[in-house]
Amino acid sequence: MSSIGPLLPRRPPHLRTVPYVGSRFPGSAAVARRPDLAAGANCQLFAYGVLRHFGLTPPALRSSDLWEDTAATVRVETAEPLDLLLFNRSEDPYGAHVGVWIDDDAVLHLCAEVGRPAVWSLADFAARERYRVLIGAKSVAAAYRP
């Protein structure tokens, strides 16, 4: 088990109960009006909130923009704790689902299927048609400041 293992219990209550609300995504009017996660989030907004809680400053990008970004994030071959993973039904990053790598084979994410934050293994994602392809992992540059 990696040193990030204790991360899950260290999540504050607001990161344990965030409801899935698909209309609350980075750049949406709903998020501009009320930026806190208590009103709900989609997968990207939730993942970015988790990273911010642990001291990282991710860019507020949609999936395909995140995958193409090179200013604030880098693609990595092997995920480390607090890296972002992108999943989709194909290798197309447009509309991809975003989760946070927590530990050996554990991804913290928020999806409509569960409705609240959940931890799934890579096999759990692969077993679902809409998440069956792991597009890849991105690491947020520690020095990035928007």
N, C-alpha and C. Protein backbone atom coordinates (compact mmCIF):
# COMPACT_ATOMS: atom_id res chain seq x y z
N MET A 1 0.84 -1.19 0.00
CA MET A 1 0.00 0.00 0.00
C MET A 1 0.88 1.24 0.00
N SER A 2 0.52 2.21 -0.80
CA SER A 2 1.32 3.43 -0.91
C SER A 2 1.06 4.36 0.27
N SER A 3 1.87 5.42 0.34
CA SER A 3 1.75 6.37 1.45
C SER A 3 0.46 7.19 1.39
N ILE A 4 -0.23 7.19 0.27
CA ILE A 4 -1.46 7.96 0.15
C ILE A 4 -2.66 7.19 0.73
N GLY A 5 -2.47 5.94 1.07
CA GLY A 5 -3.53 5.10 1.59
C GLY A 5 -4.47 5.80 2.57
N PRO A 6 -3.93 6.57 3.52
CA PRO A 6 -4.80 7.26 4.46
C PRO A 6 -5.61 8.40 3.85
N LEU A 7 -5.43 8.68 2.57
CA LEU A 7 -6.13 9.78 1.92
C LEU A 7 -7.64 9.66 2.05
N LEU A 8 -8.19 8.50 1.80
CA LEU A 8 -9.64 8.35 1.81
C LEU A 8 -10.26 8.75 3.15
N PRO A 9 -9.76 8.27 4.27
CA PRO A 9 -10.36 8.70 5.54
C PRO A 9 -10.15 10.19 5.84
N ARG A 10 -9.15 10.82 5.21
CA ARG A 10 -8.88 12.23 5.47
C ARG A 10 -9.76 13.15 4.64
N ARG A 11 -10.62 12.60 3.80
CA ARG A 11 -11.55 13.46 3.06
C ARG A 11 -12.50 14.12 4.03
N PRO A 12 -12.71 15.42 3.87
CA PRO A 12 -13.69 16.09 4.74
C PRO A 12 -15.10 15.63 4.37
N PRO A 13 -16.06 15.84 5.25
CA PRO A 13 -17.43 15.39 4.98
C PRO A 13 -18.00 15.87 3.65
N HIS A 14 -17.68 17.10 3.25
CA HIS A 14 -18.26 17.60 2.00
C HIS A 14 -17.75 16.84 0.77
N LEU A 15 -16.62 16.14 0.86
CA LEU A 15 -16.15 15.33 -0.27
C LEU A 15 -16.63 13.88 -0.19
N ARG A 16 -17.38 13.56 0.82
CA ARG A 16 -17.93 12.20 0.96
C ARG A 16 -19.38 12.13 0.49
N THR A 17 -20.03 13.29 0.40
CA THR A 17 -21.48 13.30 0.15
C THR A 17 -21.90 14.12 -1.06
N VAL A 18 -20.97 14.53 -1.87
CA VAL A 18 -21.28 15.36 -3.04
C VAL A 18 -22.26 14.61 -3.95
N PRO A 19 -23.41 15.20 -4.25
CA PRO A 19 -24.33 14.52 -5.17
C PRO A 19 -23.90 14.71 -6.62
N TYR A 20 -24.16 13.71 -7.45
CA TYR A 20 -23.88 13.83 -8.87
C TYR A 20 -24.93 14.73 -9.50
N VAL A 21 -24.47 15.81 -10.16
CA VAL A 21 -25.35 16.71 -10.91
C VAL A 21 -24.62 17.01 -12.22
N GLY A 22 -25.06 16.38 -13.28
CA GLY A 22 -24.39 16.47 -14.56
C GLY A 22 -24.29 17.87 -15.13
N SER A 23 -25.21 18.75 -14.77
CA SER A 23 -25.19 20.11 -15.30
C SER A 23 -24.18 21.01 -14.59
N ARG A 24 -23.54 20.48 -13.54
CA ARG A 24 -22.53 21.26 -12.81
C ARG A 24 -21.14 20.78 -13.23
N PHE A 25 -20.63 21.38 -14.29
CA PHE A 25 -19.34 21.02 -14.85
C PHE A 25 -18.47 22.27 -14.94
N PRO A 26 -17.15 22.11 -15.10
CA PRO A 26 -16.28 23.28 -15.19
C PRO A 26 -16.74 24.23 -16.29
N GLY A 27 -16.89 25.49 -15.93
CA GLY A 27 -17.30 26.51 -16.88
C GLY A 27 -18.80 26.70 -17.01
N SER A 28 -19.60 25.89 -16.34
CA SER A 28 -21.06 26.03 -16.46
C SER A 28 -21.56 27.24 -15.69
N ALA A 29 -22.70 27.75 -16.12
CA ALA A 29 -23.32 28.89 -15.44
C ALA A 29 -23.69 28.51 -14.01
N ALA A 30 -24.13 27.26 -13.81
CA ALA A 30 -24.51 26.82 -12.46
C ALA A 30 -23.33 26.88 -11.50
N VAL A 31 -22.16 26.52 -11.97
CA VAL A 31 -20.96 26.56 -11.12
C VAL A 31 -20.50 27.99 -10.92
N ALA A 32 -20.64 28.83 -11.92
CA ALA A 32 -20.28 30.25 -11.78
C ALA A 32 -21.14 30.90 -10.70
N ARG A 33 -22.44 30.55 -10.67
CA ARG A 33 -23.36 31.12 -9.67
C ARG A 33 -23.07 30.58 -8.27
N ARG A 34 -22.75 29.30 -8.18
CA ARG A 34 -22.52 28.67 -6.88
C ARG A 34 -21.39 27.66 -7.02
N PRO A 35 -20.15 28.08 -6.78
CA PRO A 35 -18.99 27.23 -7.06
C PRO A 35 -18.76 26.07 -6.08
N ASP A 36 -19.36 26.11 -4.91
CA ASP A 36 -19.09 25.04 -3.94
C ASP A 36 -19.70 23.71 -4.39
N LEU A 37 -19.11 22.63 -3.94
CA LEU A 37 -19.55 21.29 -4.34
C LEU A 37 -20.83 20.83 -3.64
N ALA A 38 -21.27 21.55 -2.63
CA ALA A 38 -22.48 21.15 -1.91
C ALA A 38 -23.69 21.10 -2.83
N ALA A 39 -23.67 21.91 -3.88
CA ALA A 39 -24.78 21.92 -4.84
C ALA A 39 -24.68 20.79 -5.86
N GLY A 40 -23.61 20.01 -5.76
CA GLY A 40 -23.42 18.89 -6.67
C GLY A 40 -22.31 19.16 -7.66
N ALA A 41 -21.96 18.12 -8.41
CA ALA A 41 -20.86 18.21 -9.36
C ALA A 41 -20.96 17.10 -10.38
N ASN A 42 -20.28 17.30 -11.50
CA ASN A 42 -20.07 16.18 -12.41
C ASN A 42 -18.72 15.58 -12.03
N CYS A 43 -18.25 14.60 -12.79
CA CYS A 43 -17.02 13.90 -12.43
C CYS A 43 -15.81 14.82 -12.40
N GLN A 44 -15.70 15.72 -13.39
CA GLN A 44 -14.53 16.59 -13.46
C GLN A 44 -14.49 17.56 -12.28
N LEU A 45 -15.59 18.23 -12.04
CA LEU A 45 -15.66 19.20 -10.95
C LEU A 45 -15.33 18.53 -9.62
N PHE A 46 -15.86 17.32 -9.41
CA PHE A 46 -15.58 16.58 -8.18
C PHE A 46 -14.09 16.24 -8.08
N ALA A 47 -13.52 15.69 -9.15
CA ALA A 47 -12.10 15.30 -9.13
C ALA A 47 -11.22 16.51 -8.83
N TYR A 48 -11.52 17.64 -9.44
CA TYR A 48 -10.73 18.85 -9.21
C TYR A 48 -10.88 19.32 -7.77
N GLY A 49 -12.06 19.17 -7.19
CA GLY A 49 -12.27 19.53 -5.78
C GLY A 49 -11.43 18.66 -4.86
N VAL A 50 -11.35 17.37 -5.17
CA VAL A 50 -10.51 16.46 -4.37
C VAL A 50 -9.05 16.90 -4.46
N LEU A 51 -8.57 17.17 -5.66
CA LEU A 51 -7.17 17.59 -5.81
C LEU A 51 -6.90 18.90 -5.08
N ARG A 52 -7.82 19.85 -5.17
CA ARG A 52 -7.63 21.13 -4.46
C ARG A 52 -7.57 20.90 -2.95
N HIS A 53 -8.40 20.01 -2.44
CA HIS A 53 -8.37 19.72 -1.00
C HIS A 53 -6.99 19.22 -0.56
N PHE A 54 -6.32 18.49 -1.43
CA PHE A 54 -5.01 17.95 -1.09
C PHE A 54 -3.86 18.81 -1.60
N GLY A 55 -4.15 20.09 -1.91
CA GLY A 55 -3.11 21.05 -2.19
C GLY A 55 -2.70 21.24 -3.64
N LEU A 56 -3.33 20.56 -4.57
CA LEU A 56 -3.02 20.74 -5.98
C LEU A 56 -3.97 21.78 -6.58
N THR A 57 -3.57 22.37 -7.69
CA THR A 57 -4.37 23.39 -8.35
C THR A 57 -4.64 22.95 -9.79
N PRO A 58 -5.62 22.09 -9.99
CA PRO A 58 -5.91 21.63 -11.35
C PRO A 58 -6.62 22.71 -12.16
N PRO A 59 -6.42 22.69 -13.47
CA PRO A 59 -7.16 23.62 -14.31
C PRO A 59 -8.61 23.17 -14.42
N ALA A 60 -9.52 24.09 -14.60
CA ALA A 60 -10.95 23.77 -14.71
C ALA A 60 -11.28 23.45 -16.17
N LEU A 61 -10.87 22.27 -16.62
CA LEU A 61 -11.03 21.88 -18.02
C LEU A 61 -12.01 20.73 -18.16
N ARG A 62 -12.71 20.70 -19.29
CA ARG A 62 -13.53 19.55 -19.65
C ARG A 62 -12.59 18.42 -20.09
N SER A 63 -13.10 17.21 -20.21
CA SER A 63 -12.28 16.02 -20.44
C SER A 63 -11.32 16.11 -21.62
N SER A 64 -11.83 16.43 -22.80
CA SER A 64 -10.94 16.44 -23.97
C SER A 64 -9.91 17.55 -23.86
N ASP A 65 -10.28 18.69 -23.27
CA ASP A 65 -9.32 19.76 -23.08
C ASP A 65 -8.26 19.36 -22.05
N LEU A 66 -8.69 18.66 -21.01
CA LEU A 66 -7.76 18.15 -20.00
C LEU A 66 -6.76 17.20 -20.65
N TRP A 67 -7.24 16.30 -21.49
CA TRP A 67 -6.37 15.31 -22.12
C TRP A 67 -5.34 16.01 -23.02
N GLU A 68 -5.73 17.09 -23.68
CA GLU A 68 -4.82 17.79 -24.59
C GLU A 68 -3.91 18.79 -23.88
N ASP A 69 -4.26 19.19 -22.67
CA ASP A 69 -3.51 20.20 -21.93
C ASP A 69 -2.06 19.79 -21.69
N THR A 70 -1.15 20.74 -21.87
CA THR A 70 0.26 20.52 -21.53
C THR A 70 0.80 21.62 -20.62
N ALA A 71 -0.02 22.64 -20.34
CA ALA A 71 0.42 23.75 -19.49
C ALA A 71 0.35 23.41 -18.01
N ALA A 72 -0.70 22.71 -17.60
CA ALA A 72 -0.92 22.45 -16.18
C ALA A 72 -0.82 20.97 -15.82
N THR A 73 -0.88 20.10 -16.83
CA THR A 73 -0.87 18.66 -16.58
C THR A 73 0.07 17.97 -17.55
N VAL A 74 0.51 16.79 -17.16
CA VAL A 74 1.34 15.97 -18.05
C VAL A 74 0.77 14.55 -18.08
N ARG A 75 0.85 13.92 -19.23
CA ARG A 75 0.45 12.52 -19.34
C ARG A 75 1.50 11.66 -18.67
N VAL A 76 1.04 10.65 -17.94
CA VAL A 76 1.96 9.73 -17.27
C VAL A 76 1.61 8.30 -17.65
N GLU A 77 2.63 7.48 -17.74
CA GLU A 77 2.44 6.06 -18.09
C GLU A 77 1.86 5.27 -16.93
N THR A 78 2.33 5.57 -15.73
CA THR A 78 1.89 4.86 -14.53
C THR A 78 1.30 5.86 -13.55
N ALA A 79 0.06 5.65 -13.19
CA ALA A 79 -0.62 6.58 -12.27
C ALA A 79 -0.03 6.51 -10.87
N GLU A 80 0.05 7.67 -10.27
CA GLU A 80 0.46 7.82 -8.88
C GLU A 80 -0.72 8.40 -8.12
N PRO A 81 -0.73 8.30 -6.79
CA PRO A 81 -1.83 8.90 -6.04
C PRO A 81 -2.03 10.37 -6.40
N LEU A 82 -3.28 10.75 -6.55
CA LEU A 82 -3.76 12.07 -6.91
C LEU A 82 -3.58 12.40 -8.39
N ASP A 83 -3.28 11.42 -9.22
CA ASP A 83 -3.32 11.62 -10.67
C ASP A 83 -4.75 11.44 -11.14
N LEU A 84 -5.07 12.07 -12.26
CA LEU A 84 -6.40 11.99 -12.86
C LEU A 84 -6.42 10.87 -13.90
N LEU A 85 -7.45 10.04 -13.89
CA LEU A 85 -7.63 8.99 -14.89
C LEU A 85 -8.85 9.32 -15.73
N LEU A 86 -8.74 9.08 -17.03
CA LEU A 86 -9.84 9.34 -17.95
C LEU A 86 -10.33 8.03 -18.54
N PHE A 87 -11.64 7.82 -18.50
CA PHE A 87 -12.29 6.60 -19.00
C PHE A 87 -13.37 6.98 -20.01
N ASN A 88 -13.57 6.11 -21.00
CA ASN A 88 -14.65 6.32 -21.95
C ASN A 88 -14.98 4.98 -22.61
N ARG A 89 -15.96 4.97 -23.48
CA ARG A 89 -16.32 3.74 -24.20
C ARG A 89 -15.37 3.49 -25.36
N SER A 90 -14.60 4.54 -25.73
CA SER A 90 -13.58 4.42 -26.78
C SER A 90 -12.37 5.24 -26.32
N GLU A 91 -11.37 5.34 -27.17
CA GLU A 91 -10.18 6.12 -26.82
C GLU A 91 -10.36 7.61 -27.04
N ASP A 92 -11.55 8.04 -27.40
CA ASP A 92 -11.86 9.44 -27.61
C ASP A 92 -12.00 10.14 -26.25
N PRO A 93 -11.19 11.17 -25.98
CA PRO A 93 -11.29 11.85 -24.69
C PRO A 93 -12.51 12.76 -24.56
N TYR A 94 -13.22 13.05 -25.68
CA TYR A 94 -14.39 13.91 -25.60
C TYR A 94 -15.47 13.23 -24.75
N GLY A 95 -15.89 13.90 -23.70
CA GLY A 95 -16.92 13.36 -22.82
C GLY A 95 -16.42 12.27 -21.88
N ALA A 96 -15.11 12.11 -21.78
CA ALA A 96 -14.56 11.06 -20.92
C ALA A 96 -14.88 11.32 -19.44
N HIS A 97 -14.99 10.24 -18.71
CA HIS A 97 -15.21 10.27 -17.27
C HIS A 97 -13.86 10.46 -16.58
N VAL A 98 -13.82 11.29 -15.54
CA VAL A 98 -12.58 11.59 -14.83
C VAL A 98 -12.68 11.12 -13.38
N GLY A 99 -11.64 10.42 -12.93
CA GLY A 99 -11.54 9.98 -11.54
C GLY A 99 -10.15 10.28 -11.01
N VAL A 100 -9.96 10.08 -9.71
CA VAL A 100 -8.69 10.34 -9.04
C VAL A 100 -8.10 9.02 -8.56
N TRP A 101 -6.88 8.73 -9.01
CA TRP A 101 -6.16 7.53 -8.57
C TRP A 101 -5.81 7.71 -7.11
N ILE A 102 -6.24 6.77 -6.27
CA ILE A 102 -6.04 6.88 -4.83
C ILE A 102 -4.91 5.98 -4.35
N ASP A 103 -4.88 4.77 -4.85
CA ASP A 103 -3.93 3.79 -4.36
C ASP A 103 -3.91 2.65 -5.36
N ASP A 104 -3.25 1.58 -5.01
CA ASP A 104 -3.18 0.42 -5.89
C ASP A 104 -4.58 -0.02 -6.29
N ASP A 105 -4.92 0.21 -7.56
CA ASP A 105 -6.19 -0.21 -8.15
C ASP A 105 -7.41 0.38 -7.45
N ALA A 106 -7.34 1.64 -7.07
CA ALA A 106 -8.49 2.31 -6.45
C ALA A 106 -8.64 3.71 -7.03
N VAL A 107 -9.84 3.98 -7.59
CA VAL A 107 -10.12 5.26 -8.22
C VAL A 107 -11.33 5.87 -7.52
N LEU A 108 -11.15 7.06 -6.97
CA LEU A 108 -12.23 7.82 -6.36
C LEU A 108 -12.88 8.64 -7.45
N HIS A 109 -14.21 8.55 -7.57
CA HIS A 109 -14.89 9.28 -8.64
C HIS A 109 -16.35 9.52 -8.27
N LEU A 110 -17.01 10.31 -9.10
CA LEU A 110 -18.42 10.63 -8.93
C LEU A 110 -19.11 10.37 -10.25
N CYS A 111 -20.12 9.51 -10.24
CA CYS A 111 -20.84 9.20 -11.49
C CYS A 111 -22.34 9.12 -11.22
N ALA A 112 -23.09 9.26 -12.30
CA ALA A 112 -24.55 9.22 -12.21
C ALA A 112 -25.03 7.86 -11.71
N GLU A 113 -24.35 6.79 -12.10
CA GLU A 113 -24.77 5.44 -11.72
C GLU A 113 -24.88 5.26 -10.21
N VAL A 114 -23.94 5.83 -9.47
CA VAL A 114 -23.92 5.69 -8.01
C VAL A 114 -24.59 6.90 -7.35
N GLY A 115 -24.34 8.08 -7.89
CA GLY A 115 -24.96 9.29 -7.36
C GLY A 115 -24.19 10.00 -6.28
N ARG A 116 -23.22 9.34 -5.68
CA ARG A 116 -22.36 9.88 -4.63
C ARG A 116 -20.94 9.41 -4.90
N PRO A 117 -19.94 10.02 -4.25
CA PRO A 117 -18.56 9.55 -4.47
C PRO A 117 -18.43 8.06 -4.19
N ALA A 118 -17.63 7.41 -5.05
CA ALA A 118 -17.42 5.97 -4.94
C ALA A 118 -15.97 5.65 -5.25
N VAL A 119 -15.52 4.49 -4.78
CA VAL A 119 -14.19 4.00 -5.10
C VAL A 119 -14.37 2.70 -5.88
N TRP A 120 -13.83 2.68 -7.10
CA TRP A 120 -13.90 1.49 -7.95
C TRP A 120 -12.49 1.06 -8.33
N SER A 121 -12.36 -0.21 -8.64
CA SER A 121 -11.12 -0.74 -9.19
C SER A 121 -11.14 -0.54 -10.70
N LEU A 122 -10.01 -0.75 -11.35
CA LEU A 122 -9.96 -0.66 -12.80
C LEU A 122 -10.88 -1.71 -13.43
N ALA A 123 -11.01 -2.87 -12.79
CA ALA A 123 -11.92 -3.91 -13.30
C ALA A 123 -13.38 -3.45 -13.22
N ASP A 124 -13.73 -2.68 -12.20
CA ASP A 124 -15.09 -2.14 -12.09
C ASP A 124 -15.40 -1.23 -13.28
N PHE A 125 -14.43 -0.40 -13.67
CA PHE A 125 -14.63 0.46 -14.83
C PHE A 125 -14.73 -0.37 -16.11
N ALA A 126 -13.82 -1.31 -16.26
CA ALA A 126 -13.78 -2.14 -17.48
C ALA A 126 -15.06 -2.94 -17.67
N ALA A 127 -15.75 -3.24 -16.60
CA ALA A 127 -16.98 -4.04 -16.67
C ALA A 127 -18.18 -3.22 -17.16
N ARG A 128 -18.01 -1.93 -17.30
CA ARG A 128 -19.11 -1.06 -17.74
C ARG A 128 -18.79 -0.50 -19.12
N GLU A 129 -19.71 -0.66 -20.04
CA GLU A 129 -19.51 -0.25 -21.43
C GLU A 129 -19.05 1.20 -21.55
N ARG A 130 -19.68 2.10 -20.82
CA ARG A 130 -19.34 3.52 -20.98
C ARG A 130 -18.00 3.91 -20.40
N TYR A 131 -17.38 3.03 -19.58
CA TYR A 131 -16.09 3.32 -18.96
C TYR A 131 -15.02 2.28 -19.30
N ARG A 132 -15.30 1.42 -20.25
CA ARG A 132 -14.45 0.25 -20.47
C ARG A 132 -13.03 0.55 -20.93
N VAL A 133 -12.79 1.73 -21.53
CA VAL A 133 -11.46 2.08 -22.02
C VAL A 133 -10.80 3.09 -21.08
N LEU A 134 -9.65 2.71 -20.56
CA LEU A 134 -8.84 3.67 -19.79
C LEU A 134 -8.01 4.44 -20.82
N ILE A 135 -8.37 5.69 -21.04
CA ILE A 135 -7.67 6.51 -22.02
C ILE A 135 -6.25 6.80 -21.55
N GLY A 136 -6.11 7.11 -20.27
CA GLY A 136 -4.79 7.37 -19.71
C GLY A 136 -4.86 8.17 -18.43
N ALA A 137 -3.68 8.55 -17.96
CA ALA A 137 -3.56 9.27 -16.69
C ALA A 137 -2.85 10.60 -16.91
N LYS A 138 -3.25 11.59 -16.12
CA LYS A 138 -2.63 12.92 -16.16
C LYS A 138 -2.25 13.31 -14.74
N SER A 139 -1.10 13.91 -14.63
CA SER A 139 -0.63 14.42 -13.35
C SER A 139 -0.65 15.95 -13.39
N VAL A 140 -1.17 16.56 -12.34
CA VAL A 140 -1.22 18.02 -12.26
C VAL A 140 0.16 18.52 -11.83
N ALA A 141 0.71 19.46 -12.58
CA ALA A 141 2.02 20.03 -12.25
C ALA A 141 1.91 20.74 -10.91
N ALA A 142 2.78 20.39 -9.99
CA ALA A 142 2.74 20.95 -8.64
C ALA A 142 2.88 22.47 -8.65
N ALA A 143 3.62 23.01 -9.60
CA ALA A 143 3.87 24.45 -9.62
C ALA A 143 2.79 25.22 -10.38
N TYR A 144 1.82 24.53 -10.97
CA TYR A 144 0.81 25.23 -11.76
C TYR A 144 -0.04 26.13 -10.89
N ARG A 145 -0.18 27.37 -11.30
CA ARG A 145 -1.06 28.34 -10.64
C ARG A 145 -1.87 29.03 -11.73
N PRO A 146 -3.21 28.94 -11.67
CA PRO A 146 -4.02 29.57 -12.70
C PRO A 146 -3.93 31.09 -12.68
